[in-house]
């Protein structure tokens, strides 16, 4: 099958696949997880947006729902014929790779959420102290949920490549970087001190190895100083 033939007959179907993946992901990663948290721990896990309005931390929180809504809208707009479908990546191998990436990425999100258990949160409450999870997938990667979320977003973009999908991926990656580097890591340094520093020296930030804190930094960083930099 040529690219042109596939584009004519397959764009709509792959857009539906992308939309299905996204909706299922939202229902499982947010809907089901919230219900489990409420049932088992009496809390939804939602802690809101950190920082004063207009600050970098605040924008990190705001970009998350924007990215998720854009990711949901992107394949829907293709289905409705509103948004043009980019032709250059339109190939069944690309779309099929996207589907495989999406399934694996969603599985990573759900596995990581299960591993976190009662410590799962959306947002940070600086007055709260949760257990530092370093087992399972977290022994290699410090933020596997964010990695999986980015993978799902990229997968949907591969199945239904449009400008809206590209903006959704970009917004999500920006939100993740801000949330992790500006909000969560300073909070974890302050809350868990040297335990977090030792852990961060062995586990990558988003993928194994990459983004580990150096042993020197882990040994010499003052948690209170890290919090002040926030």
N, C-alpha and C. Protein backbone atom coordinates (compact mmCIF):
# COMPACT_ATOMS: atom_id res chain seq x y z
N UNK A 1 0.84 -1.20 0.00
CA UNK A 1 0.00 0.00 0.00
C UNK A 1 0.88 1.25 0.00
N UNK A 2 0.60 2.16 -0.92
CA UNK A 2 1.37 3.40 -0.98
C UNK A 2 0.93 4.34 0.12
N UNK A 3 1.79 5.33 0.37
CA UNK A 3 1.45 6.33 1.38
C UNK A 3 0.18 7.07 1.02
N UNK A 4 0.03 7.41 -0.27
CA UNK A 4 -1.16 8.13 -0.71
C UNK A 4 -2.42 7.29 -0.50
N UNK A 5 -2.35 6.00 -0.84
CA UNK A 5 -3.51 5.12 -0.66
C UNK A 5 -3.85 4.98 0.82
N UNK A 6 -2.83 4.82 1.65
CA UNK A 6 -3.09 4.68 3.07
C UNK A 6 -3.67 5.96 3.66
N UNK A 7 -3.13 7.11 3.23
CA UNK A 7 -3.62 8.39 3.74
C UNK A 7 -5.08 8.57 3.42
N UNK A 8 -5.47 8.18 2.21
CA UNK A 8 -6.86 8.37 1.81
C UNK A 8 -7.81 7.51 2.64
N UNK A 9 -7.39 6.28 2.96
CA UNK A 9 -8.31 5.38 3.65
C UNK A 9 -8.04 5.15 5.12
N UNK A 10 -6.83 5.53 5.58
CA UNK A 10 -6.45 5.17 6.94
C UNK A 10 -6.40 6.29 7.94
N UNK A 11 -6.38 7.53 7.47
CA UNK A 11 -6.27 8.67 8.38
C UNK A 11 -7.38 8.66 9.42
N UNK A 12 -8.60 8.48 8.97
CA UNK A 12 -9.76 8.51 9.86
C UNK A 12 -9.67 7.40 10.90
N UNK A 13 -9.29 6.19 10.45
CA UNK A 13 -9.20 5.06 11.37
C UNK A 13 -8.12 5.24 12.42
N UNK A 14 -6.97 5.75 12.02
CA UNK A 14 -5.90 5.95 12.98
C UNK A 14 -6.21 7.10 13.93
N UNK A 15 -6.94 8.09 13.45
CA UNK A 15 -7.37 9.17 14.34
C UNK A 15 -8.31 8.62 15.42
N UNK A 16 -9.18 7.71 15.03
CA UNK A 16 -10.05 7.07 16.01
C UNK A 16 -9.23 6.25 17.01
N UNK A 17 -8.20 5.57 16.52
CA UNK A 17 -7.34 4.78 17.41
C UNK A 17 -6.63 5.70 18.41
N UNK A 18 -6.15 6.85 17.91
CA UNK A 18 -5.48 7.81 18.79
C UNK A 18 -6.45 8.36 19.84
N UNK A 19 -7.66 8.68 19.41
CA UNK A 19 -8.66 9.20 20.34
C UNK A 19 -9.02 8.15 21.40
N UNK A 20 -9.18 6.91 20.96
CA UNK A 20 -9.50 5.83 21.90
C UNK A 20 -8.38 5.65 22.93
N UNK A 21 -7.15 5.64 22.44
CA UNK A 21 -6.00 5.49 23.34
C UNK A 21 -6.00 6.62 24.38
N UNK A 22 -6.24 7.82 23.92
CA UNK A 22 -6.19 8.98 24.81
C UNK A 22 -7.30 8.93 25.85
N UNK A 23 -8.52 8.62 25.40
CA UNK A 23 -9.65 8.57 26.33
C UNK A 23 -9.46 7.46 27.36
N UNK A 24 -9.05 6.29 26.89
CA UNK A 24 -8.81 5.18 27.81
C UNK A 24 -7.71 5.55 28.81
N UNK A 25 -6.67 6.21 28.32
CA UNK A 25 -5.60 6.64 29.20
C UNK A 25 -6.07 7.61 30.27
N UNK A 26 -6.88 8.58 29.88
CA UNK A 26 -7.41 9.54 30.85
C UNK A 26 -8.30 8.85 31.89
N UNK A 27 -9.14 7.94 31.42
CA UNK A 27 -10.05 7.26 32.34
C UNK A 27 -9.30 6.40 33.34
N UNK A 28 -8.26 5.69 32.87
CA UNK A 28 -7.51 4.80 33.75
C UNK A 28 -6.54 5.56 34.65
N UNK A 29 -5.77 6.48 34.05
CA UNK A 29 -4.70 7.15 34.79
C UNK A 29 -5.22 8.22 35.74
N UNK A 30 -6.37 8.81 35.43
CA UNK A 30 -6.90 9.86 36.29
C UNK A 30 -8.21 9.44 36.96
N UNK A 31 -9.17 8.97 36.17
CA UNK A 31 -10.46 8.57 36.75
C UNK A 31 -10.34 7.39 37.70
N UNK A 32 -9.83 6.27 37.19
CA UNK A 32 -9.72 5.07 38.01
C UNK A 32 -8.75 5.28 39.17
N UNK A 33 -7.62 5.93 38.89
CA UNK A 33 -6.62 6.13 39.95
C UNK A 33 -7.18 7.00 41.07
N UNK A 34 -7.95 8.02 40.70
CA UNK A 34 -8.56 8.88 41.72
C UNK A 34 -9.54 8.09 42.58
N UNK A 35 -10.34 7.25 41.93
CA UNK A 35 -11.30 6.42 42.66
C UNK A 35 -10.59 5.47 43.62
N UNK A 36 -9.49 4.86 43.17
CA UNK A 36 -8.71 3.95 44.02
C UNK A 36 -8.14 4.71 45.21
N UNK A 37 -7.61 5.92 44.96
CA UNK A 37 -7.04 6.71 46.05
C UNK A 37 -8.10 7.06 47.09
N UNK A 38 -9.27 7.46 46.62
CA UNK A 38 -10.34 7.81 47.55
C UNK A 38 -10.79 6.60 48.35
N UNK A 39 -10.89 5.47 47.70
CA UNK A 39 -11.37 4.26 48.36
C UNK A 39 -10.37 3.73 49.38
N UNK A 40 -9.09 3.77 49.03
CA UNK A 40 -8.07 3.17 49.89
C UNK A 40 -7.48 4.14 50.91
N UNK A 41 -7.42 5.42 50.54
CA UNK A 41 -6.70 6.37 51.40
C UNK A 41 -7.53 7.57 51.84
N UNK A 42 -8.76 7.69 51.32
CA UNK A 42 -9.61 8.80 51.72
C UNK A 42 -9.21 10.14 51.15
N UNK A 43 -8.37 10.15 50.12
CA UNK A 43 -7.95 11.39 49.47
C UNK A 43 -7.86 11.15 47.98
N UNK A 44 -8.17 12.20 47.20
CA UNK A 44 -8.14 12.05 45.74
C UNK A 44 -6.73 12.06 45.19
N UNK A 45 -5.78 12.62 45.92
CA UNK A 45 -4.42 12.75 45.42
C UNK A 45 -4.17 14.05 44.70
N UNK A 46 -5.22 14.83 44.41
CA UNK A 46 -5.07 16.12 43.74
C UNK A 46 -4.69 17.19 44.74
N UNK A 47 -3.61 17.91 44.45
CA UNK A 47 -3.14 18.95 45.36
C UNK A 47 -3.12 20.33 44.71
N UNK A 48 -3.63 20.45 43.51
CA UNK A 48 -3.76 21.76 42.87
C UNK A 48 -2.48 22.27 42.25
N UNK A 49 -2.51 23.55 41.89
CA UNK A 49 -1.39 24.19 41.18
C UNK A 49 -0.51 24.92 42.19
N UNK A 50 0.80 24.75 42.03
CA UNK A 50 1.78 25.35 42.93
C UNK A 50 2.19 26.73 42.43
N UNK A 51 2.47 27.64 43.32
CA UNK A 51 3.04 28.93 42.96
C UNK A 51 2.00 30.02 42.76
N UNK A 52 2.47 31.24 42.80
CA UNK A 52 1.58 32.39 42.59
C UNK A 52 1.23 32.49 41.11
N UNK A 53 0.05 33.00 40.78
CA UNK A 53 -0.34 33.14 39.38
C UNK A 53 0.69 33.92 38.57
N UNK A 54 1.08 33.36 37.44
CA UNK A 54 2.06 34.00 36.57
C UNK A 54 3.48 33.52 36.79
N UNK A 55 3.75 32.81 37.90
CA UNK A 55 5.10 32.32 38.16
C UNK A 55 5.39 31.11 37.28
N UNK A 56 6.66 30.74 37.21
CA UNK A 56 7.05 29.59 36.39
C UNK A 56 6.37 28.32 36.90
N UNK A 57 6.36 28.13 38.22
CA UNK A 57 5.72 26.95 38.79
C UNK A 57 4.23 26.91 38.46
N UNK A 58 3.59 28.05 38.51
CA UNK A 58 2.16 28.15 38.20
C UNK A 58 1.91 27.78 36.75
N UNK A 59 2.74 28.29 35.86
CA UNK A 59 2.58 27.95 34.44
C UNK A 59 2.78 26.46 34.20
N UNK A 60 3.69 25.85 34.95
CA UNK A 60 3.86 24.41 34.82
C UNK A 60 2.58 23.66 35.12
N UNK A 61 1.87 24.08 36.18
CA UNK A 61 0.60 23.46 36.52
C UNK A 61 -0.49 23.74 35.52
N UNK A 62 -0.54 24.97 35.01
CA UNK A 62 -1.57 25.35 34.05
C UNK A 62 -1.39 24.63 32.72
N UNK A 63 -0.14 24.43 32.32
CA UNK A 63 0.13 23.79 31.03
C UNK A 63 -0.34 22.34 30.98
N UNK A 64 -0.40 21.68 32.14
CA UNK A 64 -0.83 20.27 32.14
C UNK A 64 -2.24 20.09 31.59
N UNK A 65 -3.26 20.74 32.15
CA UNK A 65 -4.60 20.55 31.59
C UNK A 65 -4.72 21.06 30.15
N UNK A 66 -3.97 22.14 29.83
CA UNK A 66 -3.99 22.63 28.45
C UNK A 66 -3.48 21.56 27.50
N UNK A 67 -2.34 20.94 27.86
CA UNK A 67 -1.76 19.90 27.02
C UNK A 67 -2.68 18.70 26.88
N UNK A 68 -3.32 18.31 27.98
CA UNK A 68 -4.22 17.16 27.93
C UNK A 68 -5.44 17.44 27.06
N UNK A 69 -5.98 18.64 27.17
CA UNK A 69 -7.14 19.00 26.34
C UNK A 69 -6.77 19.07 24.87
N UNK A 70 -5.60 19.63 24.57
CA UNK A 70 -5.15 19.69 23.18
C UNK A 70 -4.90 18.29 22.62
N UNK A 71 -4.32 17.42 23.46
CA UNK A 71 -4.09 16.05 23.03
C UNK A 71 -5.37 15.30 22.74
N UNK A 72 -6.40 15.60 23.51
CA UNK A 72 -7.71 14.99 23.28
C UNK A 72 -8.37 15.57 22.04
N UNK A 73 -8.21 16.87 21.84
CA UNK A 73 -8.87 17.54 20.71
C UNK A 73 -8.22 17.19 19.38
N UNK A 74 -6.91 16.94 19.38
CA UNK A 74 -6.19 16.75 18.12
C UNK A 74 -6.78 15.64 17.23
N UNK A 75 -6.94 14.41 17.71
CA UNK A 75 -7.52 13.38 16.85
C UNK A 75 -9.00 13.62 16.56
N UNK A 76 -9.70 14.23 17.52
CA UNK A 76 -11.12 14.52 17.32
C UNK A 76 -11.31 15.50 16.17
N UNK A 77 -10.43 16.49 16.08
CA UNK A 77 -10.52 17.47 14.99
C UNK A 77 -10.23 16.84 13.64
N UNK A 78 -9.36 15.82 13.62
CA UNK A 78 -9.10 15.09 12.38
C UNK A 78 -10.35 14.31 11.97
N UNK A 79 -10.97 13.65 12.94
CA UNK A 79 -12.18 12.87 12.66
C UNK A 79 -13.28 13.75 12.11
N UNK A 80 -13.40 14.95 12.66
CA UNK A 80 -14.44 15.89 12.22
C UNK A 80 -14.08 16.62 10.94
N UNK A 81 -12.85 16.43 10.48
CA UNK A 81 -12.42 17.08 9.25
C UNK A 81 -12.09 18.55 9.41
N UNK A 82 -11.82 18.98 10.65
CA UNK A 82 -11.54 20.39 10.91
C UNK A 82 -10.06 20.70 10.72
N UNK A 83 -9.20 19.84 11.23
CA UNK A 83 -7.76 20.07 11.20
C UNK A 83 -7.12 19.25 10.09
N UNK A 84 -6.29 19.85 9.25
CA UNK A 84 -5.60 19.08 8.20
C UNK A 84 -4.62 18.09 8.80
N UNK A 85 -4.52 16.92 8.19
CA UNK A 85 -3.63 15.85 8.62
C UNK A 85 -2.31 16.00 7.88
N UNK A 86 -1.20 16.13 8.62
CA UNK A 86 0.10 16.25 7.98
C UNK A 86 0.37 15.02 7.11
N UNK A 87 0.86 15.25 5.90
CA UNK A 87 1.07 14.14 4.97
C UNK A 87 2.43 13.48 5.11
N UNK A 88 3.45 14.26 5.50
CA UNK A 88 4.80 13.69 5.46
C UNK A 88 5.02 12.50 6.39
N UNK A 89 4.39 12.41 7.58
CA UNK A 89 4.62 11.22 8.39
C UNK A 89 3.52 10.18 8.22
N UNK A 90 2.58 10.42 7.27
CA UNK A 90 1.41 9.55 7.14
C UNK A 90 1.80 8.23 6.49
N UNK A 91 2.05 7.23 7.30
CA UNK A 91 2.43 5.90 6.81
C UNK A 91 2.00 4.89 7.86
N UNK A 92 1.54 3.72 7.43
CA UNK A 92 1.07 2.74 8.42
C UNK A 92 2.14 2.31 9.40
N UNK A 93 3.41 2.29 8.99
CA UNK A 93 4.48 1.91 9.91
C UNK A 93 4.62 2.95 11.01
N UNK A 94 4.54 4.23 10.64
CA UNK A 94 4.63 5.31 11.63
C UNK A 94 3.45 5.23 12.60
N UNK A 95 2.25 5.09 12.05
CA UNK A 95 1.06 5.03 12.90
C UNK A 95 1.07 3.78 13.78
N UNK A 96 1.47 2.66 13.21
CA UNK A 96 1.54 1.43 14.00
C UNK A 96 2.57 1.52 15.11
N UNK A 97 3.70 2.17 14.82
CA UNK A 97 4.71 2.38 15.86
C UNK A 97 4.15 3.27 16.96
N UNK A 98 3.34 4.26 16.56
CA UNK A 98 2.72 5.13 17.54
C UNK A 98 1.78 4.36 18.46
N UNK A 99 0.99 3.46 17.88
CA UNK A 99 0.07 2.66 18.69
C UNK A 99 0.83 1.80 19.68
N UNK A 100 1.91 1.16 19.22
CA UNK A 100 2.72 0.33 20.12
C UNK A 100 3.32 1.17 21.23
N UNK A 101 3.84 2.35 20.87
CA UNK A 101 4.41 3.25 21.87
C UNK A 101 3.35 3.67 22.88
N UNK A 102 2.15 3.95 22.40
CA UNK A 102 1.08 4.38 23.29
C UNK A 102 0.68 3.31 24.29
N UNK A 103 0.55 2.08 23.83
CA UNK A 103 0.17 0.99 24.72
C UNK A 103 1.24 0.77 25.79
N UNK A 104 2.49 0.75 25.37
CA UNK A 104 3.59 0.55 26.33
C UNK A 104 3.66 1.71 27.32
N UNK A 105 3.52 2.93 26.81
CA UNK A 105 3.61 4.12 27.67
C UNK A 105 2.48 4.15 28.69
N UNK A 106 1.27 3.80 28.26
CA UNK A 106 0.15 3.77 29.20
C UNK A 106 0.37 2.71 30.26
N UNK A 107 0.93 1.57 29.87
CA UNK A 107 1.23 0.52 30.84
C UNK A 107 2.25 1.01 31.86
N UNK A 108 3.24 1.80 31.42
CA UNK A 108 4.23 2.37 32.33
C UNK A 108 3.56 3.30 33.34
N UNK A 109 2.64 4.14 32.86
CA UNK A 109 1.92 5.06 33.75
C UNK A 109 1.17 4.29 34.82
N UNK A 110 0.41 3.28 34.41
CA UNK A 110 -0.42 2.54 35.35
C UNK A 110 0.43 1.73 36.33
N UNK A 111 1.52 1.14 35.84
CA UNK A 111 2.42 0.39 36.72
C UNK A 111 3.05 1.32 37.75
N UNK A 112 3.49 2.49 37.31
CA UNK A 112 4.13 3.43 38.22
C UNK A 112 3.13 3.94 39.26
N UNK A 113 1.90 4.22 38.84
CA UNK A 113 0.89 4.66 39.80
C UNK A 113 0.60 3.58 40.84
N UNK A 114 0.53 2.34 40.39
CA UNK A 114 0.30 1.24 41.32
C UNK A 114 1.46 1.12 42.31
N UNK A 115 2.67 1.28 41.81
CA UNK A 115 3.85 1.19 42.68
C UNK A 115 3.86 2.30 43.71
N UNK A 116 3.42 3.50 43.32
CA UNK A 116 3.39 4.63 44.27
C UNK A 116 2.37 4.42 45.37
N UNK A 117 1.26 3.77 45.06
CA UNK A 117 0.25 3.51 46.08
C UNK A 117 -0.27 4.79 46.71
N UNK A 118 -0.23 4.85 48.03
CA UNK A 118 -0.77 6.00 48.77
C UNK A 118 0.02 7.28 48.54
N UNK A 119 1.23 7.17 47.99
CA UNK A 119 2.06 8.35 47.76
C UNK A 119 1.73 9.07 46.46
N UNK A 120 0.84 8.50 45.64
CA UNK A 120 0.51 9.13 44.35
C UNK A 120 -0.17 10.47 44.58
N UNK A 121 0.34 11.50 43.90
CA UNK A 121 -0.21 12.84 44.00
C UNK A 121 -0.18 13.53 42.64
N UNK A 122 -1.12 14.46 42.45
CA UNK A 122 -1.04 15.41 41.35
C UNK A 122 -0.88 16.78 41.99
N UNK A 123 0.30 17.36 41.84
CA UNK A 123 0.61 18.60 42.53
C UNK A 123 1.33 18.33 43.84
N UNK A 124 1.73 19.39 44.50
CA UNK A 124 2.53 19.29 45.72
C UNK A 124 1.91 20.14 46.83
N UNK A 125 1.80 19.54 47.99
CA UNK A 125 1.43 20.28 49.21
C UNK A 125 2.67 20.26 50.10
N UNK A 126 3.31 21.42 50.26
CA UNK A 126 4.57 21.50 50.99
C UNK A 126 4.44 21.10 52.45
N UNK A 127 3.21 21.10 52.97
CA UNK A 127 3.00 20.71 54.37
C UNK A 127 2.89 19.20 54.53
N UNK A 128 2.83 18.49 53.42
CA UNK A 128 2.57 17.06 53.43
C UNK A 128 3.86 16.28 53.25
N UNK A 129 3.96 15.16 53.94
CA UNK A 129 5.12 14.28 53.79
C UNK A 129 4.63 12.89 53.40
N UNK A 130 4.97 12.48 52.19
CA UNK A 130 4.61 11.15 51.72
C UNK A 130 5.86 10.28 51.65
N UNK A 131 5.64 9.00 51.55
CA UNK A 131 6.77 8.06 51.48
C UNK A 131 7.54 8.26 50.18
N UNK A 132 8.86 8.21 50.26
CA UNK A 132 9.71 8.28 49.06
C UNK A 132 9.74 6.89 48.43
N UNK A 133 9.16 6.75 47.25
CA UNK A 133 9.07 5.46 46.57
C UNK A 133 10.30 5.25 45.70
N UNK A 134 11.05 4.19 45.98
CA UNK A 134 12.29 3.93 45.23
C UNK A 134 12.36 2.49 44.72
N UNK A 135 11.24 1.78 44.77
CA UNK A 135 11.23 0.38 44.37
C UNK A 135 10.62 0.21 42.98
N UNK A 136 10.72 -1.00 42.44
CA UNK A 136 10.13 -1.30 41.15
C UNK A 136 10.71 -0.42 40.05
N UNK A 137 9.85 0.11 39.21
CA UNK A 137 10.29 0.96 38.10
C UNK A 137 10.97 2.22 38.60
N UNK A 138 10.65 2.64 39.82
CA UNK A 138 11.26 3.85 40.38
C UNK A 138 12.72 3.63 40.77
N UNK A 139 13.16 2.41 40.83
CA UNK A 139 14.57 2.16 41.14
C UNK A 139 15.48 2.59 39.99
N UNK A 140 14.91 2.71 38.80
CA UNK A 140 15.68 3.12 37.62
C UNK A 140 15.35 4.52 37.14
N UNK A 141 14.10 4.93 37.34
CA UNK A 141 13.62 6.22 36.82
C UNK A 141 12.84 6.93 37.93
N UNK A 142 13.12 8.22 38.14
CA UNK A 142 12.48 8.94 39.23
C UNK A 142 11.07 9.42 38.87
N UNK A 143 10.80 9.62 37.59
CA UNK A 143 9.50 10.17 37.17
C UNK A 143 8.88 9.36 36.04
N UNK A 144 8.67 8.06 36.23
CA UNK A 144 8.16 7.23 35.13
C UNK A 144 6.74 7.60 34.70
N UNK A 145 5.93 8.16 35.60
CA UNK A 145 4.57 8.55 35.21
C UNK A 145 4.62 9.65 34.16
N UNK A 146 5.47 10.64 34.38
CA UNK A 146 5.60 11.71 33.40
C UNK A 146 6.18 11.19 32.09
N UNK A 147 7.12 10.27 32.18
CA UNK A 147 7.68 9.68 30.96
C UNK A 147 6.60 8.97 30.18
N UNK A 148 5.76 8.19 30.88
CA UNK A 148 4.68 7.49 30.21
C UNK A 148 3.66 8.43 29.61
N UNK A 149 3.33 9.52 30.33
CA UNK A 149 2.38 10.49 29.80
C UNK A 149 2.89 11.12 28.52
N UNK A 150 4.17 11.47 28.50
CA UNK A 150 4.75 12.05 27.29
C UNK A 150 4.73 11.04 26.15
N UNK A 151 4.95 9.77 26.49
CA UNK A 151 4.91 8.72 25.47
C UNK A 151 3.54 8.56 24.85
N UNK A 152 2.50 8.63 25.67
CA UNK A 152 1.12 8.54 25.16
C UNK A 152 0.81 9.72 24.26
N UNK A 153 1.23 10.91 24.68
CA UNK A 153 0.98 12.11 23.87
C UNK A 153 1.70 12.02 22.53
N UNK A 154 2.96 11.58 22.55
CA UNK A 154 3.71 11.43 21.30
C UNK A 154 3.10 10.35 20.42
N UNK A 155 2.60 9.29 21.04
CA UNK A 155 1.99 8.20 20.28
C UNK A 155 0.75 8.67 19.54
N UNK A 156 -0.09 9.44 20.23
CA UNK A 156 -1.30 9.98 19.58
C UNK A 156 -0.92 10.89 18.42
N UNK A 157 0.17 11.65 18.59
CA UNK A 157 0.62 12.54 17.52
C UNK A 157 1.13 11.76 16.32
N UNK A 158 1.73 10.61 16.55
CA UNK A 158 2.20 9.78 15.44
C UNK A 158 1.03 9.14 14.68
N UNK A 159 -0.04 8.82 15.40
CA UNK A 159 -1.20 8.21 14.75
C UNK A 159 -2.06 9.24 14.03
N UNK A 160 -2.11 10.46 14.55
CA UNK A 160 -2.90 11.53 13.94
C UNK A 160 -2.07 12.80 13.95
N UNK A 161 -1.05 12.88 13.07
CA UNK A 161 -0.12 14.01 13.11
C UNK A 161 -0.73 15.29 12.56
N UNK A 162 -0.91 16.26 13.44
CA UNK A 162 -1.44 17.57 13.07
C UNK A 162 -0.71 18.64 13.85
N UNK A 163 -0.84 19.91 13.48
CA UNK A 163 -0.23 20.98 14.27
C UNK A 163 -0.74 21.00 15.71
N UNK A 164 -2.02 20.68 15.92
CA UNK A 164 -2.58 20.67 17.28
C UNK A 164 -1.90 19.59 18.12
N UNK A 165 -1.69 18.43 17.52
CA UNK A 165 -1.02 17.34 18.23
C UNK A 165 0.41 17.72 18.59
N UNK A 166 1.10 18.41 17.68
CA UNK A 166 2.48 18.84 17.95
C UNK A 166 2.52 19.83 19.10
N UNK A 167 1.57 20.75 19.13
CA UNK A 167 1.50 21.73 20.24
C UNK A 167 1.20 21.01 21.55
N UNK A 168 0.32 20.00 21.50
CA UNK A 168 -0.02 19.24 22.71
C UNK A 168 1.21 18.56 23.30
N UNK A 169 2.02 17.93 22.45
CA UNK A 169 3.24 17.26 22.93
C UNK A 169 4.20 18.28 23.51
N UNK A 170 4.38 19.40 22.81
CA UNK A 170 5.30 20.44 23.28
C UNK A 170 4.86 21.00 24.63
N UNK A 171 3.56 21.28 24.76
CA UNK A 171 3.05 21.83 26.02
C UNK A 171 3.22 20.84 27.17
N UNK A 172 2.99 19.56 26.89
CA UNK A 172 3.13 18.56 27.95
C UNK A 172 4.58 18.41 28.39
N UNK A 173 5.49 18.38 27.44
CA UNK A 173 6.91 18.26 27.78
C UNK A 173 7.35 19.47 28.60
N UNK A 174 6.91 20.66 28.21
CA UNK A 174 7.26 21.87 28.97
C UNK A 174 6.69 21.80 30.38
N UNK A 175 5.44 21.36 30.51
CA UNK A 175 4.81 21.25 31.82
C UNK A 175 5.55 20.26 32.70
N UNK A 176 5.94 19.14 32.13
CA UNK A 176 6.66 18.11 32.89
C UNK A 176 8.01 18.63 33.38
N UNK A 177 8.75 19.30 32.50
CA UNK A 177 10.06 19.83 32.88
C UNK A 177 9.92 20.84 34.02
N UNK A 178 8.95 21.73 33.91
CA UNK A 178 8.75 22.74 34.96
C UNK A 178 8.34 22.07 36.27
N UNK A 179 7.37 21.16 36.20
CA UNK A 179 6.86 20.51 37.41
C UNK A 179 7.96 19.74 38.13
N UNK A 180 8.76 19.01 37.38
CA UNK A 180 9.80 18.18 38.00
C UNK A 180 10.94 19.03 38.54
N UNK A 181 11.47 19.93 37.71
CA UNK A 181 12.68 20.66 38.08
C UNK A 181 12.41 21.81 39.05
N UNK A 182 11.29 22.50 38.89
CA UNK A 182 11.01 23.70 39.68
C UNK A 182 10.18 23.41 40.92
N UNK A 183 9.29 22.43 40.82
CA UNK A 183 8.36 22.17 41.93
C UNK A 183 8.73 20.93 42.73
N UNK A 184 8.78 19.77 42.07
CA UNK A 184 8.86 18.52 42.81
C UNK A 184 10.24 18.23 43.38
N UNK A 185 11.31 18.44 42.60
CA UNK A 185 12.63 18.10 43.10
C UNK A 185 13.03 18.95 44.32
N UNK A 186 12.80 20.27 44.31
CA UNK A 186 13.09 21.04 45.53
C UNK A 186 12.26 20.56 46.72
N UNK A 187 11.00 20.22 46.48
CA UNK A 187 10.14 19.72 47.57
C UNK A 187 10.69 18.40 48.12
N UNK A 188 11.09 17.50 47.25
CA UNK A 188 11.61 16.20 47.69
C UNK A 188 12.94 16.35 48.41
N UNK A 189 13.78 17.28 47.96
CA UNK A 189 15.04 17.53 48.66
C UNK A 189 14.78 18.05 50.07
N UNK A 190 13.84 18.96 50.19
CA UNK A 190 13.54 19.51 51.50
C UNK A 190 12.89 18.47 52.41
N UNK A 191 11.99 17.67 51.85
CA UNK A 191 11.23 16.71 52.65
C UNK A 191 12.05 15.50 53.05
N UNK A 192 12.83 14.97 52.12
CA UNK A 192 13.54 13.71 52.36
C UNK A 192 15.05 13.87 52.50
N UNK A 193 15.57 15.05 52.25
CA UNK A 193 16.97 15.32 52.50
C UNK A 193 17.92 14.38 51.78
N UNK A 194 18.89 13.84 52.56
CA UNK A 194 19.92 13.00 51.98
C UNK A 194 19.37 11.70 51.40
N UNK A 195 18.24 11.24 51.91
CA UNK A 195 17.65 10.02 51.34
C UNK A 195 17.29 10.23 49.87
N UNK A 196 16.73 11.40 49.57
CA UNK A 196 16.40 11.70 48.18
C UNK A 196 17.66 11.93 47.36
N UNK A 197 18.65 12.60 47.93
CA UNK A 197 19.88 12.86 47.19
C UNK A 197 20.59 11.55 46.81
N UNK A 198 20.63 10.61 47.73
CA UNK A 198 21.26 9.32 47.42
C UNK A 198 20.46 8.57 46.36
N UNK A 199 19.16 8.63 46.47
CA UNK A 199 18.30 7.97 45.47
C UNK A 199 18.47 8.61 44.10
N UNK A 200 18.47 9.96 44.05
CA UNK A 200 18.57 10.66 42.77
C UNK A 200 19.92 10.47 42.11
N UNK A 201 20.91 10.05 42.88
CA UNK A 201 22.23 9.78 42.30
C UNK A 201 22.27 8.44 41.59
N UNK A 202 21.26 7.60 41.79
CA UNK A 202 21.26 6.26 41.18
C UNK A 202 20.17 6.07 40.14
N UNK A 203 19.13 6.91 40.14
CA UNK A 203 18.01 6.76 39.22
C UNK A 203 17.94 7.97 38.29
N UNK A 204 17.70 7.73 36.99
CA UNK A 204 17.59 8.81 36.03
C UNK A 204 16.33 9.63 36.25
N UNK A 205 16.31 10.84 35.69
CA UNK A 205 15.16 11.73 35.90
C UNK A 205 13.93 11.22 35.14
N UNK A 206 14.08 10.96 33.84
CA UNK A 206 12.95 10.50 33.04
C UNK A 206 13.19 9.15 32.37
N UNK A 207 14.45 8.81 32.18
CA UNK A 207 14.84 7.51 31.62
C UNK A 207 16.02 7.01 32.44
N UNK A 208 16.31 5.72 32.40
CA UNK A 208 17.45 5.22 33.18
C UNK A 208 18.74 5.95 32.83
N UNK A 209 19.56 6.19 33.84
CA UNK A 209 20.91 6.77 33.75
C UNK A 209 20.88 8.28 33.55
N UNK A 210 20.18 8.76 32.51
CA UNK A 210 20.22 10.19 32.21
C UNK A 210 19.51 11.01 33.28
N UNK A 211 20.14 12.11 33.67
CA UNK A 211 19.52 13.00 34.65
C UNK A 211 19.78 12.61 36.09
N UNK A 212 20.68 11.66 36.33
CA UNK A 212 21.02 11.35 37.71
C UNK A 212 21.83 12.48 38.32
N UNK A 213 21.62 12.74 39.61
CA UNK A 213 22.45 13.71 40.31
C UNK A 213 23.82 13.11 40.54
N UNK A 214 24.85 13.94 40.41
CA UNK A 214 26.20 13.43 40.66
C UNK A 214 26.36 13.13 42.14
N UNK A 215 27.25 12.22 42.44
CA UNK A 215 27.50 11.88 43.84
C UNK A 215 27.98 13.10 44.63
N UNK A 216 28.75 13.96 43.97
CA UNK A 216 29.25 15.15 44.65
C UNK A 216 28.11 16.09 45.01
N UNK A 217 27.21 16.30 44.04
CA UNK A 217 26.06 17.17 44.31
C UNK A 217 25.17 16.57 45.38
N UNK A 218 24.98 15.25 45.33
CA UNK A 218 24.12 14.59 46.29
C UNK A 218 24.68 14.71 47.70
N UNK A 219 26.00 14.67 47.81
CA UNK A 219 26.61 14.71 49.13
C UNK A 219 26.66 16.13 49.69
N UNK A 220 26.72 17.15 48.80
CA UNK A 220 26.96 18.49 49.29
C UNK A 220 25.78 19.43 49.25
N UNK A 221 24.65 19.04 48.71
CA UNK A 221 23.53 19.96 48.58
C UNK A 221 22.79 20.11 49.90
N UNK A 222 22.52 21.33 50.25
CA UNK A 222 21.76 21.64 51.45
C UNK A 222 20.27 21.66 51.09
N UNK A 223 19.44 20.77 51.64
CA UNK A 223 18.03 20.73 51.27
C UNK A 223 17.34 22.07 51.44
N UNK A 224 17.66 22.81 52.50
CA UNK A 224 17.02 24.09 52.72
C UNK A 224 17.39 25.09 51.61
N UNK A 225 18.64 25.00 51.14
CA UNK A 225 19.06 25.87 50.05
C UNK A 225 18.29 25.54 48.78
N UNK A 226 18.08 24.25 48.56
CA UNK A 226 17.30 23.84 47.40
C UNK A 226 15.90 24.38 47.46
N UNK A 227 15.32 24.39 48.65
CA UNK A 227 13.97 24.91 48.79
C UNK A 227 13.94 26.41 48.55
N UNK A 228 14.97 27.12 49.00
CA UNK A 228 14.99 28.56 48.79
C UNK A 228 15.07 28.92 47.33
N UNK A 229 15.79 28.07 46.54
CA UNK A 229 15.89 28.35 45.11
C UNK A 229 14.55 28.23 44.42
N UNK A 230 13.64 27.45 44.97
CA UNK A 230 12.30 27.32 44.38
C UNK A 230 11.59 28.65 44.38
